[in-house]
Amino acid sequence: WLTIGKTFNVQASGSGGASRVTLVK
């Protein structure tokens, strides 16, 4: 669950770092 205006963390595995994160509704 996310709260508008609050920071949150996401962890991911795989090669290289993510250049962009997009929330999809």
mmCIF file of all heavy atoms, coordinates in Angstrom:
data_MODEL
# 
_entry.id   MODEL 
# 
loop_
_atom_site.group_PDB 
_atom_site.id 
_atom_site.type_symbol 
_atom_site.label_atom_id 
_atom_site.label_alt_id 
_atom_site.label_comp_id 
_atom_site.label_asym_id 
_atom_site.label_entity_id 
_atom_site.label_seq_id 
_atom_site.pdbx_PDB_ins_code 
_atom_site.Cartn_x 
_atom_site.Cartn_y 
_atom_site.Cartn_z 
_atom_site.occupancy 
_atom_site.B_iso_or_equiv 
_atom_site.pdbx_formal_charge 
_atom_site.auth_seq_id 
_atom_site.auth_comp_id 
_atom_site.auth_asym_id 
_atom_site.auth_atom_id 
_atom_site.pdbx_PDB_model_num 
ATOM 1   N N   . TRP A 1 1  ? 0.845  -1.186  0.000   1.00 0.00 ? 1  TRP A N   1 
ATOM 2   C CA  . TRP A 1 1  ? 0.000  0.000   0.000   1.00 0.00 ? 1  TRP A CA  1 
ATOM 3   C C   . TRP A 1 1  ? 0.879  1.233   0.000   1.00 0.00 ? 1  TRP A C   1 
ATOM 4   O O   . TRP A 1 1  ? 1.881  1.274   0.707   1.00 0.00 ? 1  TRP A O   1 
ATOM 5   C CB  . TRP A 1 1  ? -0.892 -0.022  1.251   1.00 0.00 ? 1  TRP A CB  1 
ATOM 6   C CG  . TRP A 1 1  ? -1.878 1.084   1.300   1.00 0.00 ? 1  TRP A CG  1 
ATOM 7   C CD1 . TRP A 1 1  ? -1.750 2.261   1.966   1.00 0.00 ? 1  TRP A CD1 1 
ATOM 8   C CD2 . TRP A 1 1  ? -3.147 1.128   0.664   1.00 0.00 ? 1  TRP A CD2 1 
ATOM 9   N NE1 . TRP A 1 1  ? -2.852 3.040   1.783   1.00 0.00 ? 1  TRP A NE1 1 
ATOM 10  C CE2 . TRP A 1 1  ? -3.739 2.352   0.980   1.00 0.00 ? 1  TRP A CE2 1 
ATOM 11  C CE3 . TRP A 1 1  ? -3.841 0.247   -0.147  1.00 0.00 ? 1  TRP A CE3 1 
ATOM 12  C CZ2 . TRP A 1 1  ? -4.994 2.733   0.514   1.00 0.00 ? 1  TRP A CZ2 1 
ATOM 13  C CZ3 . TRP A 1 1  ? -5.094 0.625   -0.611  1.00 0.00 ? 1  TRP A CZ3 1 
ATOM 14  C CH2 . TRP A 1 1  ? -5.662 1.842   -0.275  1.00 0.00 ? 1  TRP A CH2 1 
ATOM 15  N N   . LEU A 1 2  ? 0.517  2.248   -0.776  1.00 0.00 ? 2  LEU A N   1 
ATOM 16  C CA  . LEU A 1 2  ? 1.265  3.504   -0.812  1.00 0.00 ? 2  LEU A CA  1 
ATOM 17  C C   . LEU A 1 2  ? 0.402  4.637   -0.298  1.00 0.00 ? 2  LEU A C   1 
ATOM 18  O O   . LEU A 1 2  ? -0.811 4.652   -0.518  1.00 0.00 ? 2  LEU A O   1 
ATOM 19  C CB  . LEU A 1 2  ? 1.701  3.836   -2.246  1.00 0.00 ? 2  LEU A CB  1 
ATOM 20  C CG  . LEU A 1 2  ? 2.566  2.805   -2.946  1.00 0.00 ? 2  LEU A CG  1 
ATOM 21  C CD1 . LEU A 1 2  ? 2.874  3.256   -4.365  1.00 0.00 ? 2  LEU A CD1 1 
ATOM 22  C CD2 . LEU A 1 2  ? 3.853  2.565   -2.179  1.00 0.00 ? 2  LEU A CD2 1 
ATOM 23  N N   . THR A 1 3  ? 1.044  5.592   0.365   1.00 0.00 ? 3  THR A N   1 
ATOM 24  C CA  . THR A 1 3  ? 0.363  6.774   0.834   1.00 0.00 ? 3  THR A CA  1 
ATOM 25  C C   . THR A 1 3  ? 0.882  7.966   0.031   1.00 0.00 ? 3  THR A C   1 
ATOM 26  O O   . THR A 1 3  ? 2.096  8.161   -0.079  1.00 0.00 ? 3  THR A O   1 
ATOM 27  C CB  . THR A 1 3  ? 0.633  6.993   2.341   1.00 0.00 ? 3  THR A CB  1 
ATOM 28  O OG1 . THR A 1 3  ? 0.194  5.829   3.049   1.00 0.00 ? 3  THR A OG1 1 
ATOM 29  C CG2 . THR A 1 3  ? -0.101 8.207   2.862   1.00 0.00 ? 3  THR A CG2 1 
ATOM 30  N N   . ILE A 1 4  ? -0.024 8.744   -0.516  1.00 0.00 ? 4  ILE A N   1 
ATOM 31  C CA  . ILE A 1 4  ? 0.365  9.889   -1.329  1.00 0.00 ? 4  ILE A CA  1 
ATOM 32  C C   . ILE A 1 4  ? 1.247  10.830  -0.523  1.00 0.00 ? 4  ILE A C   1 
ATOM 33  O O   . ILE A 1 4  ? 0.968  11.145  0.629   1.00 0.00 ? 4  ILE A O   1 
ATOM 34  C CB  . ILE A 1 4  ? -0.890 10.635  -1.837  1.00 0.00 ? 4  ILE A CB  1 
ATOM 35  C CG1 . ILE A 1 4  ? -1.669 9.725   -2.783  1.00 0.00 ? 4  ILE A CG1 1 
ATOM 36  C CG2 . ILE A 1 4  ? -0.508 11.940  -2.533  1.00 0.00 ? 4  ILE A CG2 1 
ATOM 37  C CD1 . ILE A 1 4  ? -2.993 10.288  -3.235  1.00 0.00 ? 4  ILE A CD1 1 
ATOM 38  N N   . GLY A 1 5  ? 2.361  11.237  -1.132  1.00 0.00 ? 5  GLY A N   1 
ATOM 39  C CA  . GLY A 1 5  ? 3.282  12.174  -0.505  1.00 0.00 ? 5  GLY A CA  1 
ATOM 40  C C   . GLY A 1 5  ? 4.323  11.532  0.389   1.00 0.00 ? 5  GLY A C   1 
ATOM 41  O O   . GLY A 1 5  ? 5.196  12.232  0.909   1.00 0.00 ? 5  GLY A O   1 
ATOM 42  N N   . LYS A 1 6  ? 4.245  10.247  0.598   1.00 0.00 ? 6  LYS A N   1 
ATOM 43  C CA  . LYS A 1 6  ? 5.204  9.548   1.456   1.00 0.00 ? 6  LYS A CA  1 
ATOM 44  C C   . LYS A 1 6  ? 6.226  8.805   0.613   1.00 0.00 ? 6  LYS A C   1 
ATOM 45  O O   . LYS A 1 6  ? 5.932  8.309   -0.464  1.00 0.00 ? 6  LYS A O   1 
ATOM 46  C CB  . LYS A 1 6  ? 4.492  8.550   2.373   1.00 0.00 ? 6  LYS A CB  1 
ATOM 47  C CG  . LYS A 1 6  ? 3.485  9.178   3.305   1.00 0.00 ? 6  LYS A CG  1 
ATOM 48  C CD  . LYS A 1 6  ? 4.170  10.058  4.330   1.00 0.00 ? 6  LYS A CD  1 
ATOM 49  C CE  . LYS A 1 6  ? 3.142  10.632  5.291   1.00 0.00 ? 6  LYS A CE  1 
ATOM 50  N NZ  . LYS A 1 6  ? 3.714  11.532  6.250   1.00 0.00 ? 6  LYS A NZ  1 
ATOM 51  N N   . THR A 1 7  ? 7.447  8.708   1.119   1.00 0.00 ? 7  THR A N   1 
ATOM 52  C CA  . THR A 1 7  ? 8.517  7.968   0.454   1.00 0.00 ? 7  THR A CA  1 
ATOM 53  C C   . THR A 1 7  ? 8.322  6.471   0.701   1.00 0.00 ? 7  THR A C   1 
ATOM 54  O O   . THR A 1 7  ? 7.844  6.065   1.755   1.00 0.00 ? 7  THR A O   1 
ATOM 55  C CB  . THR A 1 7  ? 9.881  8.412   1.024   1.00 0.00 ? 7  THR A CB  1 
ATOM 56  O OG1 . THR A 1 7  ? 10.023 9.812   0.799   1.00 0.00 ? 7  THR A OG1 1 
ATOM 57  C CG2 . THR A 1 7  ? 11.030 7.683   0.360   1.00 0.00 ? 7  THR A CG2 1 
ATOM 58  N N   . PHE A 1 8  ? 8.712  5.662   -0.284  1.00 0.00 ? 8  PHE A N   1 
ATOM 59  C CA  . PHE A 1 8  ? 8.647  4.221   -0.126  1.00 0.00 ? 8  PHE A CA  1 
ATOM 60  C C   . PHE A 1 8  ? 9.852  3.590   -0.818  1.00 0.00 ? 8  PHE A C   1 
ATOM 61  O O   . PHE A 1 8  ? 10.484 4.202   -1.668  1.00 0.00 ? 8  PHE A O   1 
ATOM 62  C CB  . PHE A 1 8  ? 7.335  3.643   -0.683  1.00 0.00 ? 8  PHE A CB  1 
ATOM 63  C CG  . PHE A 1 8  ? 7.150  3.865   -2.156  1.00 0.00 ? 8  PHE A CG  1 
ATOM 64  C CD1 . PHE A 1 8  ? 7.544  2.896   -3.066  1.00 0.00 ? 8  PHE A CD1 1 
ATOM 65  C CD2 . PHE A 1 8  ? 6.595  5.046   -2.632  1.00 0.00 ? 8  PHE A CD2 1 
ATOM 66  C CE1 . PHE A 1 8  ? 7.371  3.097   -4.428  1.00 0.00 ? 8  PHE A CE1 1 
ATOM 67  C CE2 . PHE A 1 8  ? 6.421  5.241   -3.994  1.00 0.00 ? 8  PHE A CE2 1 
ATOM 68  C CZ  . PHE A 1 8  ? 6.815  4.267   -4.893  1.00 0.00 ? 8  PHE A CZ  1 
ATOM 69  N N   . ASN A 1 9  ? 10.180 2.373   -0.434  1.00 0.00 ? 9  ASN A N   1 
ATOM 70  C CA  . ASN A 1 9  ? 11.316 1.655   -1.003  1.00 0.00 ? 9  ASN A CA  1 
ATOM 71  C C   . ASN A 1 9  ? 10.847 0.464   -1.829  1.00 0.00 ? 9  ASN A C   1 
ATOM 72  O O   . ASN A 1 9  ? 9.862  -0.184  -1.493  1.00 0.00 ? 9  ASN A O   1 
ATOM 73  C CB  . ASN A 1 9  ? 12.245 1.140   0.109   1.00 0.00 ? 9  ASN A CB  1 
ATOM 74  C CG  . ASN A 1 9  ? 12.926 2.289   0.842   1.00 0.00 ? 9  ASN A CG  1 
ATOM 75  O OD1 . ASN A 1 9  ? 13.432 3.211   0.223   1.00 0.00 ? 9  ASN A OD1 1 
ATOM 76  N ND2 . ASN A 1 9  ? 12.912 2.218   2.163   1.00 0.00 ? 9  ASN A ND2 1 
ATOM 77  N N   . VAL A 1 10 ? 11.595 0.212   -2.900  1.00 0.00 ? 10 VAL A N   1 
ATOM 78  C CA  . VAL A 1 10 ? 11.366 -0.948  -3.739  1.00 0.00 ? 10 VAL A CA  1 
ATOM 79  C C   . VAL A 1 10 ? 12.715 -1.621  -3.933  1.00 0.00 ? 10 VAL A C   1 
ATOM 80  O O   . VAL A 1 10 ? 13.707 -0.957  -4.212  1.00 0.00 ? 10 VAL A O   1 
ATOM 81  C CB  . VAL A 1 10 ? 10.780 -0.546  -5.114  1.00 0.00 ? 10 VAL A CB  1 
ATOM 82  C CG1 . VAL A 1 10 ? 10.674 -1.746  -6.041  1.00 0.00 ? 10 VAL A CG1 1 
ATOM 83  C CG2 . VAL A 1 10 ? 9.423  0.117   -4.946  1.00 0.00 ? 10 VAL A CG2 1 
ATOM 84  N N   . GLN A 1 11 ? 12.756 -2.934  -3.771  1.00 0.00 ? 11 GLN A N   1 
ATOM 85  C CA  . GLN A 1 11 ? 13.984 -3.684  -4.024  1.00 0.00 ? 11 GLN A CA  1 
ATOM 86  C C   . GLN A 1 11 ? 13.777 -4.550  -5.255  1.00 0.00 ? 11 GLN A C   1 
ATOM 87  O O   . GLN A 1 11 ? 12.696 -5.101  -5.466  1.00 0.00 ? 11 GLN A O   1 
ATOM 88  C CB  . GLN A 1 11 ? 14.337 -4.556  -2.817  1.00 0.00 ? 11 GLN A CB  1 
ATOM 89  C CG  . GLN A 1 11 ? 14.677 -3.749  -1.585  1.00 0.00 ? 11 GLN A CG  1 
ATOM 90  C CD  . GLN A 1 11 ? 14.942 -4.646  -0.391  1.00 0.00 ? 11 GLN A CD  1 
ATOM 91  O OE1 . GLN A 1 11 ? 14.871 -5.862  -0.464  1.00 0.00 ? 11 GLN A OE1 1 
ATOM 92  N NE2 . GLN A 1 11 ? 15.235 -4.022  0.739   1.00 0.00 ? 11 GLN A NE2 1 
ATOM 93  N N   . ALA A 1 12 ? 14.831 -4.632  -6.076  1.00 0.00 ? 12 ALA A N   1 
ATOM 94  C CA  . ALA A 1 12 ? 14.743 -5.424  -7.304  1.00 0.00 ? 12 ALA A CA  1 
ATOM 95  C C   . ALA A 1 12 ? 16.035 -6.173  -7.530  1.00 0.00 ? 12 ALA A C   1 
ATOM 96  O O   . ALA A 1 12 ? 17.110 -5.753  -7.071  1.00 0.00 ? 12 ALA A O   1 
ATOM 97  C CB  . ALA A 1 12 ? 14.447 -4.523  -8.489  1.00 0.00 ? 12 ALA A CB  1 
ATOM 98  N N   . SER A 1 13 ? 15.934 -7.295  -8.231  1.00 0.00 ? 13 SER A N   1 
ATOM 99  C CA  . SER A 1 13 ? 17.118 -8.051  -8.610  1.00 0.00 ? 13 SER A CA  1 
ATOM 100 C C   . SER A 1 13 ? 17.234 -7.998  -10.125 1.00 0.00 ? 13 SER A C   1 
ATOM 101 O O   . SER A 1 13 ? 16.284 -7.695  -10.831 1.00 0.00 ? 13 SER A O   1 
ATOM 102 C CB  . SER A 1 13 ? 16.999 -9.505  -8.148  1.00 0.00 ? 13 SER A CB  1 
ATOM 103 O OG  . SER A 1 13 ? 15.930 -10.143 -8.819  1.00 0.00 ? 13 SER A OG  1 
ATOM 104 N N   . GLY A 1 14 ? 18.405 -8.310  -10.621 1.00 0.00 ? 14 GLY A N   1 
ATOM 105 C CA  . GLY A 1 14 ? 18.639 -8.293  -12.062 1.00 0.00 ? 14 GLY A CA  1 
ATOM 106 C C   . GLY A 1 14 ? 19.911 -7.542  -12.366 1.00 0.00 ? 14 GLY A C   1 
ATOM 107 O O   . GLY A 1 14 ? 20.540 -6.956  -11.498 1.00 0.00 ? 14 GLY A O   1 
ATOM 108 N N   . SER A 1 15 ? 20.281 -7.550  -13.634 1.00 0.00 ? 15 SER A N   1 
ATOM 109 C CA  . SER A 1 15 ? 21.525 -6.887  -14.022 1.00 0.00 ? 15 SER A CA  1 
ATOM 110 C C   . SER A 1 15 ? 21.289 -5.398  -14.221 1.00 0.00 ? 15 SER A C   1 
ATOM 111 O O   . SER A 1 15 ? 20.289 -4.974  -14.779 1.00 0.00 ? 15 SER A O   1 
ATOM 112 C CB  . SER A 1 15 ? 22.068 -7.503  -15.317 1.00 0.00 ? 15 SER A CB  1 
ATOM 113 O OG  . SER A 1 15 ? 21.145 -7.309  -16.358 1.00 0.00 ? 15 SER A OG  1 
ATOM 114 N N   . GLY A 1 16 ? 22.228 -4.595  -13.737 1.00 0.00 ? 16 GLY A N   1 
ATOM 115 C CA  . GLY A 1 16 ? 22.155 -3.145  -13.911 1.00 0.00 ? 16 GLY A CA  1 
ATOM 116 C C   . GLY A 1 16 ? 21.117 -2.518  -13.011 1.00 0.00 ? 16 GLY A C   1 
ATOM 117 O O   . GLY A 1 16 ? 20.287 -3.185  -12.410 1.00 0.00 ? 16 GLY A O   1 
ATOM 118 N N   . GLY A 1 17 ? 21.177 -1.219  -12.918 1.00 0.00 ? 17 GLY A N   1 
ATOM 119 C CA  . GLY A 1 17 ? 20.217 -0.482  -12.112 1.00 0.00 ? 17 GLY A CA  1 
ATOM 120 C C   . GLY A 1 17 ? 19.056 -0.007  -12.971 1.00 0.00 ? 17 GLY A C   1 
ATOM 121 O O   . GLY A 1 17 ? 19.157 0.091   -14.187 1.00 0.00 ? 17 GLY A O   1 
ATOM 122 N N   . ALA A 1 18 ? 17.964 0.292   -12.324 1.00 0.00 ? 18 ALA A N   1 
ATOM 123 C CA  . ALA A 1 18 ? 16.799 0.805   -13.039 1.00 0.00 ? 18 ALA A CA  1 
ATOM 124 C C   . ALA A 1 18 ? 17.010 2.283   -13.327 1.00 0.00 ? 18 ALA A C   1 
ATOM 125 O O   . ALA A 1 18 ? 17.465 3.036   -12.475 1.00 0.00 ? 18 ALA A O   1 
ATOM 126 C CB  . ALA A 1 18 ? 15.545 0.598   -12.210 1.00 0.00 ? 18 ALA A CB  1 
ATOM 127 N N   . SER A 1 19 ? 16.685 2.707   -14.543 1.00 0.00 ? 19 SER A N   1 
ATOM 128 C CA  . SER A 1 19 ? 16.800 4.119   -14.894 1.00 0.00 ? 19 SER A CA  1 
ATOM 129 C C   . SER A 1 19 ? 15.493 4.862   -14.670 1.00 0.00 ? 19 SER A C   1 
ATOM 130 O O   . SER A 1 19 ? 15.448 6.086   -14.679 1.00 0.00 ? 19 SER A O   1 
ATOM 131 C CB  . SER A 1 19 ? 17.238 4.271   -16.355 1.00 0.00 ? 19 SER A CB  1 
ATOM 132 O OG  . SER A 1 19 ? 16.273 3.700   -17.207 1.00 0.00 ? 19 SER A OG  1 
ATOM 133 N N   . ARG A 1 20 ? 14.405 4.108   -14.479 1.00 0.00 ? 20 ARG A N   1 
ATOM 134 C CA  . ARG A 1 20 ? 13.099 4.730   -14.301 1.00 0.00 ? 20 ARG A CA  1 
ATOM 135 C C   . ARG A 1 20 ? 12.179 3.735   -13.600 1.00 0.00 ? 20 ARG A C   1 
ATOM 136 O O   . ARG A 1 20 ? 12.226 2.543   -13.859 1.00 0.00 ? 20 ARG A O   1 
ATOM 137 C CB  . ARG A 1 20 ? 12.524 5.097   -15.662 1.00 0.00 ? 20 ARG A CB  1 
ATOM 138 C CG  . ARG A 1 20 ? 11.148 5.712   -15.618 1.00 0.00 ? 20 ARG A CG  1 
ATOM 139 C CD  . ARG A 1 20 ? 10.606 5.923   -17.036 1.00 0.00 ? 20 ARG A CD  1 
ATOM 140 N NE  . ARG A 1 20 ? 9.271  6.448   -16.977 1.00 0.00 ? 20 ARG A NE  1 
ATOM 141 C CZ  . ARG A 1 20 ? 8.940  7.691   -17.287 1.00 0.00 ? 20 ARG A CZ  1 
ATOM 142 N NH1 . ARG A 1 20 ? 9.871  8.518   -17.708 1.00 0.00 ? 20 ARG A NH1 1 
ATOM 143 N NH2 . ARG A 1 20 ? 7.710  8.093   -17.205 1.00 0.00 ? 20 ARG A NH2 1 
ATOM 144 N N   . VAL A 1 21 ? 11.322 4.240   -12.754 1.00 0.00 ? 21 VAL A N   1 
ATOM 145 C CA  . VAL A 1 21 ? 10.283 3.440   -12.123 1.00 0.00 ? 21 VAL A CA  1 
ATOM 146 C C   . VAL A 1 21 ? 8.955  4.088   -12.476 1.00 0.00 ? 21 VAL A C   1 
ATOM 147 O O   . VAL A 1 21 ? 8.793  5.299   -12.346 1.00 0.00 ? 21 VAL A O   1 
ATOM 148 C CB  . VAL A 1 21 ? 10.459 3.383   -10.590 1.00 0.00 ? 21 VAL A CB  1 
ATOM 149 C CG1 . VAL A 1 21 ? 9.283  2.677   -9.933  1.00 0.00 ? 21 VAL A CG1 1 
ATOM 150 C CG2 . VAL A 1 21 ? 11.765 2.703   -10.234 1.00 0.00 ? 21 VAL A CG2 1 
ATOM 151 N N   . THR A 1 22 ? 8.019  3.290   -12.947 1.00 0.00 ? 22 THR A N   1 
ATOM 152 C CA  . THR A 1 22 ? 6.706  3.804   -13.329 1.00 0.00 ? 22 THR A CA  1 
ATOM 153 C C   . THR A 1 22 ? 5.640  3.020   -12.582 1.00 0.00 ? 22 THR A C   1 
ATOM 154 O O   . THR A 1 22 ? 5.620  1.794   -12.638 1.00 0.00 ? 22 THR A O   1 
ATOM 155 C CB  . THR A 1 22 ? 6.484  3.656   -14.850 1.00 0.00 ? 22 THR A CB  1 
ATOM 156 O OG1 . THR A 1 22 ? 7.511  4.345   -15.542 1.00 0.00 ? 22 THR A OG1 1 
ATOM 157 C CG2 . THR A 1 22 ? 5.137  4.206   -15.261 1.00 0.00 ? 22 THR A CG2 1 
ATOM 158 N N   . LEU A 1 23 ? 4.768  3.719   -11.891 1.00 0.00 ? 23 LEU A N   1 
ATOM 159 C CA  . LEU A 1 23 ? 3.643  3.073   -11.235 1.00 0.00 ? 23 LEU A CA  1 
ATOM 160 C C   . LEU A 1 23 ? 2.542  2.905   -12.276 1.00 0.00 ? 23 LEU A C   1 
ATOM 161 O O   . LEU A 1 23 ? 2.208  3.850   -12.996 1.00 0.00 ? 23 LEU A O   1 
ATOM 162 C CB  . LEU A 1 23 ? 3.133  3.915   -10.069 1.00 0.00 ? 23 LEU A CB  1 
ATOM 163 C CG  . LEU A 1 23 ? 4.139  4.154   -8.950  1.00 0.00 ? 23 LEU A CG  1 
ATOM 164 C CD1 . LEU A 1 23 ? 3.506  5.041   -7.869  1.00 0.00 ? 23 LEU A CD1 1 
ATOM 165 C CD2 . LEU A 1 23 ? 4.611  2.855   -8.352  1.00 0.00 ? 23 LEU A CD2 1 
ATOM 166 N N   . VAL A 1 24 ? 1.989  1.709   -12.380 1.00 0.00 ? 24 VAL A N   1 
ATOM 167 C CA  . VAL A 1 24 ? 0.986  1.414   -13.384 1.00 0.00 ? 24 VAL A CA  1 
ATOM 168 C C   . VAL A 1 24 ? -0.341 1.120   -12.699 1.00 0.00 ? 24 VAL A C   1 
ATOM 169 O O   . VAL A 1 24 ? -0.419 0.253   -11.839 1.00 0.00 ? 24 VAL A O   1 
ATOM 170 C CB  . VAL A 1 24 ? 1.405  0.191   -14.246 1.00 0.00 ? 24 VAL A CB  1 
ATOM 171 C CG1 . VAL A 1 24 ? 0.318  -0.148  -15.245 1.00 0.00 ? 24 VAL A CG1 1 
ATOM 172 C CG2 . VAL A 1 24 ? 2.720  0.460   -14.941 1.00 0.00 ? 24 VAL A CG2 1 
ATOM 173 N N   . LYS A 1 25 ? -1.352 1.855   -13.087 1.00 0.00 ? 25 LYS A N   1 
ATOM 174 C CA  . LYS A 1 25 ? -2.702 1.587   -12.605 1.00 0.00 ? 25 LYS A CA  1 
ATOM 175 C C   . LYS A 1 25 ? -3.406 0.765   -13.673 1.00 0.00 ? 25 LYS A C   1 
ATOM 176 O O   . LYS A 1 25 ? -3.238 1.029   -14.868 1.00 0.00 ? 25 LYS A O   1 
ATOM 177 C CB  . LYS A 1 25 ? -3.462 2.896   -12.380 1.00 0.00 ? 25 LYS A CB  1 
ATOM 178 C CG  . LYS A 1 25 ? -4.877 2.677   -11.892 1.00 0.00 ? 25 LYS A CG  1 
ATOM 179 C CD  . LYS A 1 25 ? -5.662 3.978   -11.948 1.00 0.00 ? 25 LYS A CD  1 
ATOM 180 C CE  . LYS A 1 25 ? -7.084 3.793   -11.551 1.00 0.00 ? 25 LYS A CE  1 
ATOM 181 N NZ  . LYS A 1 25 ? -7.843 2.855   -12.338 1.00 0.00 ? 25 LYS A NZ  1 
# 
